[in-house]
Amino acid sequence: MEDVSARFANLLDKTETLMVKYAKLREEAARLRQEVGNLQEDKAKRDARIKELDEKVTVLKTAKEIGTDEEDRSAIRQKVNEYIREIDKCIAMLNA
């Protein structure tokens, strides 16, 4: 009878240990879920910043193409008109 009693006590100890471990694991899982959420938010902010910087690079490249030197005014006008036509096409596509 003592053997059964000892086994039962051992089983209760193991159950209690498992419950404590389970509670700790639940807390850690909640913390990790929060950390994942924070990291996803940071990633979204970084992606937006990258997109913004890419747009700036495009603008700078365009400005460099046009040039700051004493280029022909007609070449600059032609490039500007080309961009305006492209913008008009985009607006037309958006309105369609």
Protein backbone atom coordinates (compact mmCIF):
# COMPACT_ATOMS: atom_id res chain seq x y z
CA MET A 1 0.00 0.00 0.00
CA GLU A 2 2.89 2.32 0.74
CA ASP A 3 4.22 1.67 -2.76
CA VAL A 4 0.97 2.88 -4.32
CA SER A 5 0.96 5.88 -2.00
CA ALA A 6 4.53 6.76 -2.93
CA ARG A 7 3.79 6.40 -6.63
CA PHE A 8 0.73 8.60 -6.28
CA ALA A 9 2.73 11.27 -4.45
CA ASN A 10 5.41 11.05 -7.16
CA LEU A 11 2.74 11.40 -9.84
CA LEU A 12 1.31 14.46 -8.10
CA ASP A 13 4.79 16.03 -7.91
CA LYS A 14 5.37 15.41 -11.61
CA THR A 15 1.94 16.84 -12.45
CA GLU A 16 2.65 19.97 -10.43
CA THR A 17 6.05 20.36 -12.11
CA LEU A 18 4.42 20.00 -15.52
CA MET A 19 1.80 22.60 -14.64
CA VAL A 20 4.48 25.07 -13.57
CA LYS A 21 6.43 24.44 -16.79
CA TYR A 22 3.21 24.83 -18.81
CA ALA A 23 2.46 28.19 -17.17
CA LYS A 24 6.00 29.42 -17.89
CA LEU A 25 5.76 28.26 -21.49
CA ARG A 26 2.43 30.06 -21.93
CA GLU A 27 3.99 33.27 -20.60
CA GLU A 28 6.98 32.87 -22.92
CA ALA A 29 4.69 32.19 -25.90
CA ALA A 30 2.71 35.37 -25.13
CA ARG A 31 5.94 37.35 -24.86
CA LEU A 32 7.19 35.92 -28.15
CA ARG A 33 3.89 36.72 -29.89
CA GLN A 34 4.24 40.31 -28.68
CA GLU A 35 7.83 40.41 -29.92
CA VAL A 36 6.77 39.08 -33.33
CA GLY A 37 4.14 41.80 -33.53
CA ASN A 38 6.71 44.46 -32.68
CA LEU A 39 9.15 43.08 -35.25
CA GLN A 40 6.47 43.02 -37.94
CA GLU A 41 5.61 46.63 -37.14
CA ASP A 42 9.30 47.59 -37.36
CA LYS A 43 9.59 45.75 -40.68
CA ALA A 44 6.58 47.62 -42.08
CA LYS A 45 8.14 50.94 -41.03
CA ARG A 46 11.46 49.99 -42.60
CA ASP A 47 9.74 48.86 -45.81
CA ALA A 48 7.93 52.21 -46.00
CA ARG A 49 11.22 54.04 -45.43
CA ILE A 50 12.92 51.96 -48.15
CA LYS A 51 10.11 52.78 -50.57
CA GLU A 52 10.41 56.47 -49.72
CA LEU A 53 14.17 56.40 -50.27
CA ASP A 54 13.76 54.52 -53.56
CA GLU A 55 11.41 57.25 -54.74
CA LYS A 56 13.96 59.89 -53.76
CA VAL A 57 16.67 58.02 -55.65
CA THR A 58 14.44 57.96 -58.71
CA VAL A 59 13.85 61.70 -58.42
CA LEU A 60 17.57 62.33 -58.02
CA LYS A 61 18.38 60.17 -61.03
CA THR A 62 15.79 62.06 -63.05
CA ALA A 63 17.23 65.37 -61.92
CA LYS A 64 20.70 64.17 -62.86
CA GLU A 65 19.43 63.12 -66.31
CA ILE A 66 18.04 66.59 -66.88
CA GLY A 67 21.32 68.02 -65.65
CA THR A 68 22.27 71.17 -63.88
CA ASP A 69 24.71 72.30 -66.54
CA GLU A 70 23.90 74.74 -69.32
CA GLU A 71 22.15 72.13 -71.44
CA ASP A 72 19.92 72.94 -74.35
CA ARG A 73 16.62 74.34 -73.17
CA SER A 74 14.89 72.39 -75.89
CA ALA A 75 16.29 69.08 -74.56
CA ILE A 76 15.07 69.92 -71.08
CA ARG A 77 11.66 70.95 -72.41
CA GLN A 78 11.43 67.73 -74.39
CA LYS A 79 12.20 65.65 -71.28
CA VAL A 80 9.66 67.60 -69.20
CA ASN A 81 7.01 67.17 -71.92
CA GLU A 82 7.77 63.45 -72.02
CA TYR A 83 7.19 63.22 -68.26
CA ILE A 84 3.98 65.23 -68.55
CA ARG A 85 2.66 62.88 -71.25
CA GLU A 86 3.54 59.90 -69.04
CA ILE A 87 1.73 61.48 -66.08
CA ASP A 88 -1.30 62.21 -68.27
CA LYS A 89 -1.38 58.57 -69.37
CA CYS A 90 -1.26 57.44 -65.75
CA ILE A 91 -4.07 59.80 -64.78
CA ALA A 92 -6.15 58.56 -67.70
CA MET A 93 -5.58 54.96 -66.63
CA LEU A 94 -6.60 55.82 -63.06
CA ASN A 95 -9.77 57.51 -64.24
CA ALA A 96 -10.72 54.59 -66.49
